[in-house]
Structure formats: structure tokens, C-alpha cells
Amino acid sequence: MTYIVGEACIKCKFTDCVEVCPVDCFYEGETMLVIHPDECIDCGVCEPECPIDAIKPDTEPGLEKMLELATVYSQQWPNLTVKKDPYPDVDEFDGVANKLENHFSAEPGPGD
């Protein structure tokens, strides 16, 4: 099992989860974070830290696409190990539907 960053993270990018990860398995894209599925040790400490409940175990249904994204982009995006500020307009994107289709970017974020 691994943990997956879900669609809710897109255009929010809270990084409270990154700060508690004991193995530094978060990677930063322009619009969201992903967890490297092979680096995650399934400790679960990141899940309760996410203020928007975007982190879920990969055993939950409906996360297959997000696992595919994590597998690809965790190998392309830079590692993120420190907490950063979320998007300034994070409240505007809370609960927005179809974020993956409308707001996902394959571009890397800055990382650490």
C-alpha cells in the first residue's frame, strides 16, 4: 500500500504533509504534490496533516488515475521536503469539480 495525493490538492498545494514525512517522498508539480509510490513507507503520518483531506490510502476506490500520475511525475518533478505557503487563492478552488481536467499541470514546481 502507498498513499495518494488526490485531486483536491490541485491548485491548493498545502504542504503540511511534506513536513512530517520521514522519508521525503513528496514531489512538487506546478499545481499539486505527488507521493512517490515506491518511496512511501505507508506510515500514514501525512494523511491527517492535510487540511483538505486530499491524501488517501491507495486502497480507496477511484484513485487509480492519481496513482498513475504519482508514478509518472514523482520521477520527473523535484523533491519537496519543506513546508511552503499554499496557493494564495486556495479558498477559491476548495470543492471545485474537475480539477484534474481543468487545472492540472504537468510542469514541475520549484521543489526545495
PDB file of N, CA and C in Angstrom:
ATOM      1  N   MET A   1       0.841  -1.184   0.000  1.00  0.00           N
ATOM      2  CA  MET A   1       0.000   0.000   0.000  1.00  0.00           C
ATOM      3  C   MET A   1       0.885   1.246   0.000  1.00  0.00           C
ATOM      4  N   THR A   2       0.383   2.280  -0.600  1.00  0.00           N
ATOM      5  CA  THR A   2       1.024   3.590  -0.576  1.00  0.00           C
ATOM      6  C   THR A   2      -0.064   4.631  -0.363  1.00  0.00           C
ATOM      7  N   TYR A   3       0.320   5.829  -0.126  1.00  0.00           N
ATOM      8  CA  TYR A   3      -0.646   6.920  -0.004  1.00  0.00           C
ATOM      9  C   TYR A   3      -0.639   7.730  -1.291  1.00  0.00           C
ATOM     10  N   ILE A   4      -1.799   8.282  -1.617  1.00  0.00           N
ATOM     11  CA  ILE A   4      -2.009   9.007  -2.860  1.00  0.00           C
ATOM     12  C   ILE A   4      -2.486  10.421  -2.539  1.00  0.00           C
ATOM     13  N   VAL A   5      -1.935  11.395  -3.241  1.00  0.00           N
ATOM     14  CA  VAL A   5      -2.438  12.759  -3.152  1.00  0.00           C
ATOM     15  C   VAL A   5      -3.545  12.870  -4.197  1.00  0.00           C
ATOM     16  N   GLY A   6      -4.728  13.210  -3.746  1.00  0.00           N
ATOM     17  CA  GLY A   6      -5.880  13.263  -4.636  1.00  0.00           C
ATOM     18  C   GLY A   6      -6.059  14.589  -5.345  1.00  0.00           C
ATOM     19  N   GLU A   7      -7.088  14.604  -6.155  1.00  0.00           N
ATOM     20  CA  GLU A   7      -7.423  15.753  -6.993  1.00  0.00           C
ATOM     21  C   GLU A   7      -7.661  17.031  -6.184  1.00  0.00           C
ATOM     22  N   ALA A   8      -8.081  16.896  -4.942  1.00  0.00           N
ATOM     23  CA  ALA A   8      -8.345  18.071  -4.104  1.00  0.00           C
ATOM     24  C   ALA A   8      -7.105  18.942  -3.925  1.00  0.00           C
ATOM     25  N   CYS A   9      -5.923  18.365  -4.071  1.00  0.00           N
ATOM     26  CA  CYS A   9      -4.673  19.117  -3.892  1.00  0.00           C
ATOM     27  C   CYS A   9      -4.425  20.107  -5.034  1.00  0.00           C
ATOM     28  N   ILE A  10      -4.988  19.833  -6.195  1.00  0.00           N
ATOM     29  CA  ILE A  10      -4.724  20.671  -7.358  1.00  0.00           C
ATOM     30  C   ILE A  10      -5.186  22.108  -7.089  1.00  0.00           C
ATOM     31  N   LYS A  11      -4.270  23.044  -7.305  1.00  0.00           N
ATOM     32  CA  LYS A  11      -4.471  24.486  -7.093  1.00  0.00           C
ATOM     33  C   LYS A  11      -4.646  24.843  -5.616  1.00  0.00           C
ATOM     34  N   CYS A  12      -4.240  23.951  -4.727  1.00  0.00           N
ATOM     35  CA  CYS A  12      -4.232  24.242  -3.286  1.00  0.00           C
ATOM     36  C   CYS A  12      -2.804  24.140  -2.771  1.00  0.00           C
ATOM     37  N   LYS A  13      -2.209  22.976  -2.926  1.00  0.00           N
ATOM     38  CA  LYS A  13      -0.837  22.683  -2.532  1.00  0.00           C
ATOM     39  C   LYS A  13      -0.510  23.072  -1.096  1.00  0.00           C
ATOM     40  N   PHE A  14      -1.345  22.613  -0.160  1.00  0.00           N
ATOM     41  CA  PHE A  14      -0.934  22.705   1.230  1.00  0.00           C
ATOM     42  C   PHE A  14       0.242  21.754   1.391  1.00  0.00           C
ATOM     43  N   THR A  15       1.219  22.115   2.182  1.00  0.00           N
ATOM     44  CA  THR A  15       2.403  21.277   2.317  1.00  0.00           C
ATOM     45  C   THR A  15       2.650  20.836   3.759  1.00  0.00           C
ATOM     46  N   ASP A  16       1.633  20.854   4.565  1.00  0.00           N
ATOM     47  CA  ASP A  16       1.762  20.374   5.941  1.00  0.00           C
ATOM     48  C   ASP A  16       2.237  18.915   5.948  1.00  0.00           C
ATOM     49  N   CYS A  17       1.793  18.151   4.968  1.00  0.00           N
ATOM     50  CA  CYS A  17       2.124  16.735   4.837  1.00  0.00           C
ATOM     51  C   CYS A  17       3.620  16.523   4.617  1.00  0.00           C
ATOM     52  N   VAL A  18       4.219  17.392   3.856  1.00  0.00           N
ATOM     53  CA  VAL A  18       5.632  17.275   3.494  1.00  0.00           C
ATOM     54  C   VAL A  18       6.511  17.344   4.733  1.00  0.00           C
ATOM     55  N   GLU A  19       6.140  18.206   5.618  1.00  0.00           N
ATOM     56  CA  GLU A  19       6.936  18.461   6.818  1.00  0.00           C
ATOM     57  C   GLU A  19       7.039  17.243   7.735  1.00  0.00           C
ATOM     58  N   VAL A  20       6.041  16.388   7.736  1.00  0.00           N
ATOM     59  CA  VAL A  20       6.038  15.244   8.655  1.00  0.00           C
ATOM     60  C   VAL A  20       6.519  13.945   8.012  1.00  0.00           C
ATOM     61  N   CYS A  21       6.743  13.941   6.714  1.00  0.00           N
ATOM     62  CA  CYS A  21       7.132  12.718   6.015  1.00  0.00           C
ATOM     63  C   CYS A  21       8.543  12.281   6.430  1.00  0.00           C
ATOM     64  N   PRO A  22       8.678  11.079   7.000  1.00  0.00           N
ATOM     65  CA  PRO A  22      10.002  10.648   7.463  1.00  0.00           C
ATOM     66  C   PRO A  22      10.939  10.200   6.345  1.00  0.00           C
ATOM     67  N   VAL A  23      10.420   9.997   5.126  1.00  0.00           N
ATOM     68  CA  VAL A  23      11.273   9.529   4.031  1.00  0.00           C
ATOM     69  C   VAL A  23      11.340  10.503   2.853  1.00  0.00           C
ATOM     70  N   ASP A  24      10.774  11.686   3.004  1.00  0.00           N
ATOM     71  CA  ASP A  24      10.850  12.728   1.969  1.00  0.00           C
ATOM     72  C   ASP A  24      10.404  12.225   0.591  1.00  0.00           C
ATOM     73  N   CYS A  25       9.198  11.654   0.537  1.00  0.00           N
ATOM     74  CA  CYS A  25       8.727  11.068  -0.722  1.00  0.00           C
ATOM     75  C   CYS A  25       7.705  11.935  -1.449  1.00  0.00           C
ATOM     76  N   PHE A  26       7.651  13.234  -1.130  1.00  0.00           N
ATOM     77  CA  PHE A  26       6.762  14.161  -1.832  1.00  0.00           C
ATOM     78  C   PHE A  26       7.522  14.883  -2.935  1.00  0.00           C
ATOM     79  N   TYR A  27       6.830  15.071  -4.052  1.00  0.00           N
ATOM     80  CA  TYR A  27       7.401  15.748  -5.208  1.00  0.00           C
ATOM     81  C   TYR A  27       6.443  16.840  -5.647  1.00  0.00           C
ATOM     82  N   GLU A  28       7.013  17.964  -6.092  1.00  0.00           N
ATOM     83  CA  GLU A  28       6.207  19.153  -6.348  1.00  0.00           C
ATOM     84  C   GLU A  28       6.045  19.465  -7.827  1.00  0.00           C
ATOM     85  N   GLY A  29       4.787  19.490  -8.247  1.00  0.00           N
ATOM     86  CA  GLY A  29       4.448  19.969  -9.566  1.00  0.00           C
ATOM     87  C   GLY A  29       4.000  21.414  -9.488  1.00  0.00           C
ATOM     88  N   GLU A  30       3.737  21.997 -10.616  1.00  0.00           N
ATOM     89  CA  GLU A  30       3.298  23.389 -10.655  1.00  0.00           C
ATOM     90  C   GLU A  30       1.985  23.587  -9.895  1.00  0.00           C
ATOM     91  N   THR A  31       1.073  22.630  -9.990  1.00  0.00           N
ATOM     92  CA  THR A  31      -0.255  22.816  -9.394  1.00  0.00           C
ATOM     93  C   THR A  31      -0.603  21.840  -8.285  1.00  0.00           C
ATOM     94  N   MET A  32       0.257  20.862  -7.989  1.00  0.00           N
ATOM     95  CA  MET A  32      -0.060  19.891  -6.935  1.00  0.00           C
ATOM     96  C   MET A  32       1.187  19.145  -6.490  1.00  0.00           C
ATOM     97  N   LEU A  33       1.011  18.315  -5.480  1.00  0.00           N
ATOM     98  CA  LEU A  33       2.067  17.438  -4.998  1.00  0.00           C
ATOM     99  C   LEU A  33       1.721  16.000  -5.353  1.00  0.00           C
ATOM    100  N   VAL A  34       2.728  15.148  -5.422  1.00  0.00           N
ATOM    101  CA  VAL A  34       2.515  13.707  -5.539  1.00  0.00           C
ATOM    102  C   VAL A  34       3.425  13.000  -4.553  1.00  0.00           C
ATOM    103  N   ILE A  35       3.060  11.777  -4.214  1.00  0.00           N
ATOM    104  CA  ILE A  35       3.867  10.918  -3.356  1.00  0.00           C
ATOM    105  C   ILE A  35       4.467   9.834  -4.247  1.00  0.00           C
ATOM    106  N   HIS A  36       5.755   9.624  -4.143  1.00  0.00           N
ATOM    107  CA  HIS A  36       6.408   8.574  -4.925  1.00  0.00           C
ATOM    108  C   HIS A  36       5.960   7.226  -4.354  1.00  0.00           C
ATOM    109  N   PRO A  37       5.247   6.424  -5.139  1.00  0.00           N
ATOM    110  CA  PRO A  37       4.677   5.184  -4.603  1.00  0.00           C
ATOM    111  C   PRO A  37       5.715   4.165  -4.152  1.00  0.00           C
ATOM    112  N   ASP A  38       6.905   4.176  -4.731  1.00  0.00           N
ATOM    113  CA  ASP A  38       7.933   3.218  -4.324  1.00  0.00           C
ATOM    114  C   ASP A  38       8.750   3.698  -3.124  1.00  0.00           C
ATOM    115  N   GLU A  39       8.675   4.974  -2.819  1.00  0.00           N
ATOM    116  CA  GLU A  39       9.420   5.517  -1.680  1.00  0.00           C
ATOM    117  C   GLU A  39       8.567   5.585  -0.415  1.00  0.00           C
ATOM    118  N   CYS A  40       7.259   5.678  -0.573  1.00  0.00           N
ATOM    119  CA  CYS A  40       6.346   5.776   0.564  1.00  0.00           C
ATOM    120  C   CYS A  40       6.450   4.499   1.398  1.00  0.00           C
ATOM    121  N   ILE A  41       6.603   4.663   2.706  1.00  0.00           N
ATOM    122  CA  ILE A  41       6.716   3.507   3.604  1.00  0.00           C
ATOM    123  C   ILE A  41       5.391   3.195   4.291  1.00  0.00           C
ATOM    124  N   ASP A  42       4.319   3.811   3.830  1.00  0.00           N
ATOM    125  CA  ASP A  42       2.969   3.519   4.329  1.00  0.00           C
ATOM    126  C   ASP A  42       2.792   3.812   5.818  1.00  0.00           C
ATOM    127  N   CYS A  43       3.505   4.797   6.316  1.00  0.00           N
ATOM    128  CA  CYS A  43       3.397   5.112   7.740  1.00  0.00           C
ATOM    129  C   CYS A  43       2.105   5.851   8.059  1.00  0.00           C
ATOM    130  N   GLY A  44       1.585   6.600   7.093  1.00  0.00           N
ATOM    131  CA  GLY A  44       0.314   7.288   7.266  1.00  0.00           C
ATOM    132  C   GLY A  44       0.357   8.595   8.026  1.00  0.00           C
ATOM    133  N   VAL A  45       1.527   9.084   8.408  1.00  0.00           N
ATOM    134  CA  VAL A  45       1.571  10.329   9.180  1.00  0.00           C
ATOM    135  C   VAL A  45       1.156  11.546   8.365  1.00  0.00           C
ATOM    136  N   CYS A  46       1.248  11.457   7.055  1.00  0.00           N
ATOM    137  CA  CYS A  46       0.876  12.588   6.197  1.00  0.00           C
ATOM    138  C   CYS A  46      -0.637  12.767   6.092  1.00  0.00           C
ATOM    139  N   GLU A  47      -1.366  11.684   6.129  1.00  0.00           N
ATOM    140  CA  GLU A  47      -2.817  11.733   5.883  1.00  0.00           C
ATOM    141  C   GLU A  47      -3.559  12.700   6.813  1.00  0.00           C
ATOM    142  N   PRO A  48      -3.382  12.616   8.120  1.00  0.00           N
ATOM    143  CA  PRO A  48      -4.125  13.543   8.982  1.00  0.00           C
ATOM    144  C   PRO A  48      -3.624  14.977   8.950  1.00  0.00           C
ATOM    145  N   GLU A  49      -2.447  15.206   8.369  1.00  0.00           N
ATOM    146  CA  GLU A  49      -1.887  16.553   8.310  1.00  0.00           C
ATOM    147  C   GLU A  49      -2.494  17.405   7.210  1.00  0.00           C
ATOM    148  N   CYS A  50      -3.107  16.778   6.223  1.00  0.00           N
ATOM    149  CA  CYS A  50      -3.663  17.515   5.091  1.00  0.00           C
ATOM    150  C   CYS A  50      -4.961  18.214   5.503  1.00  0.00           C
ATOM    151  N   PRO A  51      -4.976  19.547   5.460  1.00  0.00           N
ATOM    152  CA  PRO A  51      -6.163  20.278   5.913  1.00  0.00           C
ATOM    153  C   PRO A  51      -7.369  20.143   4.978  1.00  0.00           C
ATOM    154  N   ILE A  52      -7.151  19.620   3.769  1.00  0.00           N
ATOM    155  CA  ILE A  52      -8.279  19.467   2.840  1.00  0.00           C
ATOM    156  C   ILE A  52      -8.591  17.995   2.563  1.00  0.00           C
ATOM    157  N   ASP A  53      -7.994  17.098   3.335  1.00  0.00           N
ATOM    158  CA  ASP A  53      -8.283  15.670   3.233  1.00  0.00           C
ATOM    159  C   ASP A  53      -7.988  15.126   1.833  1.00  0.00           C
ATOM    160  N   ALA A  54      -6.879  15.557   1.249  1.00  0.00           N
ATOM    161  CA  ALA A  54      -6.529  15.142  -0.110  1.00  0.00           C
ATOM    162  C   ALA A  54      -5.682  13.877  -0.148  1.00  0.00           C
ATOM    163  N   ILE A  55      -5.168  13.433   0.983  1.00  0.00           N
ATOM    164  CA  ILE A  55      -4.295  12.261   0.999  1.00  0.00           C
ATOM    165  C   ILE A  55      -5.085  11.047   1.479  1.00  0.00           C
ATOM    166  N   LYS A  56      -5.020   9.996   0.678  1.00  0.00           N
ATOM    167  CA  LYS A  56      -5.782   8.775   0.949  1.00  0.00           C
ATOM    168  C   LYS A  56      -4.905   7.549   0.701  1.00  0.00           C
ATOM    169  N   PRO A  57      -5.214   6.427   1.362  1.00  0.00           N
ATOM    170  CA  PRO A  57      -4.503   5.194   1.022  1.00  0.00           C
ATOM    171  C   PRO A  57      -4.915   4.721  -0.370  1.00  0.00           C
ATOM    172  N   ASP A  58      -4.005   4.065  -1.061  1.00  0.00           N
ATOM    173  CA  ASP A  58      -4.306   3.633  -2.430  1.00  0.00           C
ATOM    174  C   ASP A  58      -5.344   2.515  -2.494  1.00  0.00           C
ATOM    175  N   THR A  59      -5.789   2.043  -1.354  1.00  0.00           N
ATOM    176  CA  THR A  59      -6.826   1.016  -1.322  1.00  0.00           C
ATOM    177  C   THR A  59      -8.226   1.594  -1.490  1.00  0.00           C
ATOM    178  N   GLU A  60      -8.344   2.914  -1.419  1.00  0.00           N
ATOM    179  CA  GLU A  60      -9.657   3.537  -1.622  1.00  0.00           C
ATOM    180  C   GLU A  60      -9.991   3.541  -3.106  1.00  0.00           C
ATOM    181  N   PRO A  61     -11.230   3.245  -3.441  1.00  0.00           N
ATOM    182  CA  PRO A  61     -11.611   3.206  -4.858  1.00  0.00           C
ATOM    183  C   PRO A  61     -11.577   4.594  -5.502  1.00  0.00           C
ATOM    184  N   GLY A  62     -11.333   4.596  -6.807  1.00  0.00           N
ATOM    185  CA  GLY A  62     -11.373   5.838  -7.567  1.00  0.00           C
ATOM    186  C   GLY A  62     -10.071   6.603  -7.634  1.00  0.00           C
ATOM    187  N   LEU A  63      -9.003   6.058  -7.094  1.00  0.00           N
ATOM    188  CA  LEU A  63      -7.725   6.779  -7.084  1.00  0.00           C
ATOM    189  C   LEU A  63      -6.728   6.251  -8.111  1.00  0.00           C
ATOM    190  N   GLU A  64      -7.176   5.392  -8.990  1.00  0.00           N
ATOM    191  CA  GLU A  64      -6.276   4.772  -9.958  1.00  0.00           C
ATOM    192  C   GLU A  64      -5.563   5.803 -10.844  1.00  0.00           C
ATOM    193  N   LYS A  65      -6.287   6.782 -11.329  1.00  0.00           N
ATOM    194  CA  LYS A  65      -5.684   7.814 -12.184  1.00  0.00           C
ATOM    195  C   LYS A  65      -4.643   8.626 -11.415  1.00  0.00           C
ATOM    196  N   MET A  66      -4.942   8.925 -10.158  1.00  0.00           N
ATOM    197  CA  MET A  66      -3.996   9.708  -9.355  1.00  0.00           C
ATOM    198  C   MET A  66      -2.738   8.879  -9.046  1.00  0.00           C
ATOM    199  N   LEU A  67      -2.889   7.568  -8.883  1.00  0.00           N
ATOM    200  CA  LEU A  67      -1.723   6.702  -8.686  1.00  0.00           C
ATOM    201  C   LEU A  67      -0.866   6.687  -9.950  1.00  0.00           C
ATOM    202  N   GLU A  68      -1.499   6.639 -11.108  1.00  0.00           N
ATOM    203  CA  GLU A  68      -0.758   6.702 -12.370  1.00  0.00           C
ATOM    204  C   GLU A  68       0.031   8.004 -12.473  1.00  0.00           C
ATOM    205  N   LEU A  69      -0.611   9.117 -12.118  1.00  0.00           N
ATOM    206  CA  LEU A  69       0.076  10.418 -12.156  1.00  0.00           C
ATOM    207  C   LEU A  69       1.254  10.433 -11.197  1.00  0.00           C
ATOM    208  N   ALA A  70       1.053   9.906  -9.998  1.00  0.00           N
ATOM    209  CA  ALA A  70       2.118   9.879  -8.998  1.00  0.00           C
ATOM    210  C   ALA A  70       3.304   9.050  -9.484  1.00  0.00           C
ATOM    211  N   THR A  71       3.014   7.931 -10.114  1.00  0.00           N
ATOM    212  CA  THR A  71       4.072   7.064 -10.616  1.00  0.00           C
ATOM    213  C   THR A  71       4.918   7.779 -11.668  1.00  0.00           C
ATOM    214  N   VAL A  72       4.276   8.494 -12.553  1.00  0.00           N
ATOM    215  CA  VAL A  72       4.987   9.213 -13.619  1.00  0.00           C
ATOM    216  C   VAL A  72       5.695  10.453 -13.093  1.00  0.00           C
ATOM    217  N   TYR A  73       4.960  11.323 -12.421  1.00  0.00           N
ATOM    218  CA  TYR A  73       5.505  12.635 -12.079  1.00  0.00           C
ATOM    219  C   TYR A  73       6.442  12.640 -10.880  1.00  0.00           C
ATOM    220  N   SER A  74       6.362  11.644 -10.023  1.00  0.00           N
ATOM    221  CA  SER A  74       7.319  11.590  -8.915  1.00  0.00           C
ATOM    222  C   SER A  74       8.729  11.322  -9.431  1.00  0.00           C
ATOM    223  N   GLN A  75       8.827  10.868 -10.664  1.00  0.00           N
ATOM    224  CA  GLN A  75      10.145  10.641 -11.274  1.00  0.00           C
ATOM    225  C   GLN A  75      10.611  11.838 -12.104  1.00  0.00           C
ATOM    226  N   GLN A  76       9.716  12.813 -12.303  1.00  0.00           N
ATOM    227  CA  GLN A  76      10.057  13.974 -13.128  1.00  0.00           C
ATOM    228  C   GLN A  76      10.125  15.277 -12.336  1.00  0.00           C
ATOM    229  N   TRP A  77       9.320  15.383 -11.310  1.00  0.00           N
ATOM    230  CA  TRP A  77       9.241  16.623 -10.534  1.00  0.00           C
ATOM    231  C   TRP A  77      10.280  16.628  -9.419  1.00  0.00           C
ATOM    232  N   PRO A  78      10.673  17.815  -8.941  1.00  0.00           N
ATOM    233  CA  PRO A  78      11.664  17.903  -7.865  1.00  0.00           C
ATOM    234  C   PRO A  78      11.079  17.510  -6.505  1.00  0.00           C
ATOM    235  N   ASN A  79      11.950  17.005  -5.682  1.00  0.00           N
ATOM    236  CA  ASN A  79      11.588  16.619  -4.320  1.00  0.00           C
ATOM    237  C   ASN A  79      11.254  17.857  -3.505  1.00  0.00           C
ATOM    238  N   LEU A  80      10.288  17.698  -2.612  1.00  0.00           N
ATOM    239  CA  LEU A  80       9.914  18.783  -1.708  1.00  0.00           C
ATOM    240  C   LEU A  80       9.951  18.252  -0.290  1.00  0.00           C
ATOM    241  N   THR A  81      10.732  18.890   0.570  1.00  0.00           N
ATOM    242  CA  THR A  81      10.894  18.410   1.944  1.00  0.00           C
ATOM    243  C   THR A  81      10.576  19.473   2.990  1.00  0.00           C
ATOM    244  N   VAL A  82      10.232  20.667   2.552  1.00  0.00           N
ATOM    245  CA  VAL A  82       9.948  21.754   3.484  1.00  0.00           C
ATOM    246  C   VAL A  82       8.548  22.320   3.236  1.00  0.00           C
ATOM    247  N   LYS A  83       7.954  22.825   4.279  1.00  0.00           N
ATOM    248  CA  LYS A  83       6.624  23.414   4.169  1.00  0.00           C
ATOM    249  C   LYS A  83       6.700  24.761   3.463  1.00  0.00           C
ATOM    250  N   LYS A  84       5.733  24.984   2.574  1.00  0.00           N
ATOM    251  CA  LYS A  84       5.616  26.251   1.853  1.00  0.00           C
ATOM    252  C   LYS A  84       4.193  26.772   2.023  1.00  0.00           C
ATOM    253  N   ASP A  85       3.997  28.004   1.620  1.00  0.00           N
ATOM    254  CA  ASP A  85       2.650  28.566   1.642  1.00  0.00           C
ATOM    255  C   ASP A  85       1.817  27.941   0.525  1.00  0.00           C
ATOM    256  N   PRO A  86       0.526  27.717   0.783  1.00  0.00           N
ATOM    257  CA  PRO A  86      -0.342  27.213  -0.288  1.00  0.00           C
ATOM    258  C   PRO A  86      -0.597  28.309  -1.319  1.00  0.00           C
ATOM    259  N   TYR A  87      -1.321  27.945  -2.370  1.00  0.00           N
ATOM    260  CA  TYR A  87      -1.719  28.947  -3.359  1.00  0.00           C
ATOM    261  C   TYR A  87      -2.437  30.098  -2.660  1.00  0.00           C
ATOM    262  N   PRO A  88      -2.204  31.332  -3.077  1.00  0.00           N
ATOM    263  CA  PRO A  88      -2.868  32.482  -2.440  1.00  0.00           C
ATOM    264  C   PRO A  88      -4.385  32.454  -2.606  1.00  0.00           C
ATOM    265  N   ASP A  89      -4.870  31.857  -3.693  1.00  0.00           N
ATOM    266  CA  ASP A  89      -6.318  31.797  -3.925  1.00  0.00           C
ATOM    267  C   ASP A  89      -6.887  30.409  -3.626  1.00  0.00           C
ATOM    268  N   VAL A  90      -6.271  29.728  -2.664  1.00  0.00           N
ATOM    269  CA  VAL A  90      -6.663  28.359  -2.317  1.00  0.00           C
ATOM    270  C   VAL A  90      -8.157  28.238  -1.993  1.00  0.00           C
ATOM    271  N   ASP A  91      -8.725  29.227  -1.348  1.00  0.00           N
ATOM    272  CA  ASP A  91     -10.145  29.161  -0.975  1.00  0.00           C
ATOM    273  C   ASP A  91     -11.065  29.144  -2.195  1.00  0.00           C
ATOM    274  N   GLU A  92     -10.645  29.779  -3.268  1.00  0.00           N
ATOM    275  CA  GLU A  92     -11.450  29.801  -4.487  1.00  0.00           C
ATOM    276  C   GLU A  92     -11.531  28.428  -5.154  1.00  0.00           C
ATOM    277  N   PHE A  93     -10.553  27.568  -4.899  1.00  0.00           N
ATOM    278  CA  PHE A  93     -10.522  26.254  -5.534  1.00  0.00           C
ATOM    279  C   PHE A  93     -11.011  25.131  -4.623  1.00  0.00           C
ATOM    280  N   ASP A  94     -11.365  25.447  -3.402  1.00  0.00           N
ATOM    281  CA  ASP A  94     -11.886  24.442  -2.491  1.00  0.00           C
ATOM    282  C   ASP A  94     -13.217  23.911  -3.017  1.00  0.00           C
ATOM    283  N   GLY A  95     -13.285  22.619  -3.256  1.00  0.00           N
ATOM    284  CA  GLY A  95     -14.521  21.998  -3.716  1.00  0.00           C
ATOM    285  C   GLY A  95     -14.818  22.145  -5.195  1.00  0.00           C
ATOM    286  N   VAL A  96     -13.919  22.743  -5.956  1.00  0.00           N
ATOM    287  CA  VAL A  96     -14.137  22.905  -7.394  1.00  0.00           C
ATOM    288  C   VAL A  96     -14.097  21.524  -8.059  1.00  0.00           C
ATOM    289  N   ALA A  97     -15.042  21.266  -8.924  1.00  0.00           N
ATOM    290  CA  ALA A  97     -15.113  19.992  -9.625  1.00  0.00           C
ATOM    291  C   ALA A  97     -14.159  19.966 -10.820  1.00  0.00           C
ATOM    292  N   ASN A  98     -13.796  18.779 -11.242  1.00  0.00           N
ATOM    293  CA  ASN A  98     -12.985  18.551 -12.441  1.00  0.00           C
ATOM    294  C   ASN A  98     -11.642  19.278 -12.426  1.00  0.00           C
ATOM    295  N   LYS A  99     -11.014  19.321 -11.276  1.00  0.00           N
ATOM    296  CA  LYS A  99      -9.709  19.970 -11.192  1.00  0.00           C
ATOM    297  C   LYS A  99      -8.666  19.272 -12.055  1.00  0.00           C
ATOM    298  N   LEU A 100      -8.723  17.955 -12.101  1.00  0.00           N
ATOM    299  CA  LEU A 100      -7.735  17.224 -12.882  1.00  0.00           C
ATOM    300  C   LEU A 100      -7.810  17.613 -14.352  1.00  0.00           C
ATOM    301  N   GLU A 101      -8.992  17.676 -14.888  1.00  0.00           N
ATOM    302  CA  GLU A 101      -9.166  18.016 -16.293  1.00  0.00           C
ATOM    303  C   GLU A 101      -8.901  19.486 -16.584  1.00  0.00           C
ATOM    304  N   ASN A 102      -9.239  20.352 -15.648  1.00  0.00           N
ATOM    305  CA  ASN A 102      -9.188  21.794 -15.915  1.00  0.00           C
ATOM    306  C   ASN A 102      -8.007  22.553 -15.328  1.00  0.00           C
ATOM    307  N   HIS A 103      -7.338  21.988 -14.308  1.00  0.00           N
ATOM    308  CA  HIS A 103      -6.313  22.776 -13.619  1.00  0.00           C
ATOM    309  C   HIS A 103      -4.990  22.049 -13.388  1.00  0.00           C
ATOM    310  N   PHE A 104      -4.896  20.788 -13.763  1.00  0.00           N
ATOM    311  CA  PHE A 104      -3.646  20.052 -13.592  1.00  0.00           C
ATOM    312  C   PHE A 104      -2.604  20.544 -14.574  1.00  0.00           C
ATOM    313  N   SER A 105      -1.369  20.621 -14.120  1.00  0.00           N
ATOM    314  CA  SER A 105      -0.251  20.971 -14.993  1.00  0.00           C
ATOM    315  C   SER A 105       0.831  19.915 -14.820  1.00  0.00           C
ATOM    316  N   ALA A 106       1.397  19.467 -15.929  1.00  0.00           N
ATOM    317  CA  ALA A 106       2.494  18.509 -15.894  1.00  0.00           C
ATOM    318  C   ALA A 106       3.843  19.176 -15.639  1.00  0.00           C
ATOM    319  N   GLU A 107       3.838  20.494 -15.598  1.00  0.00           N
ATOM    320  CA  GLU A 107       5.082  21.237 -15.359  1.00  0.00           C
ATOM    321  C   GLU A 107       5.572  21.026 -13.930  1.00  0.00           C
ATOM    322  N   PRO A 108       6.862  20.962 -13.725  1.00  0.00           N
ATOM    323  CA  PRO A 108       7.396  20.801 -12.373  1.00  0.00           C
ATOM    324  C   PRO A 108       7.240  22.078 -11.550  1.00  0.00           C
ATOM    325  N   GLY A 109       7.183  21.900 -10.252  1.00  0.00           N
ATOM    326  CA  GLY A 109       7.244  23.020  -9.334  1.00  0.00           C
ATOM    327  C   GLY A 109       8.695  23.311  -9.016  1.00  0.00           C
ATOM    328  N   PRO A 110       8.954  24.264  -8.122  1.00  0.00           N
ATOM    329  CA  PRO A 110      10.334  24.614  -7.811  1.00  0.00           C
ATOM    330  C   PRO A 110      11.052  23.616  -6.894  1.00  0.00           C
ATOM    331  N   GLY A 111      10.300  22.831  -6.103  1.00  0.00           N
ATOM    332  CA  GLY A 111      10.944  21.948  -5.141  1.00  0.00           C
ATOM    333  C   GLY A 111      11.602  22.746  -4.038  1.00  0.00           C
ATOM    334  N   ASP A 112      12.543  22.117  -3.349  1.00  0.00           N
ATOM    335  CA  ASP A 112      13.251  22.800  -2.246  1.00  0.00           C
ATOM    336  C   ASP A 112      14.176  23.875  -2.776  1.00  0.00           C
TER     337      ASP A 112
END
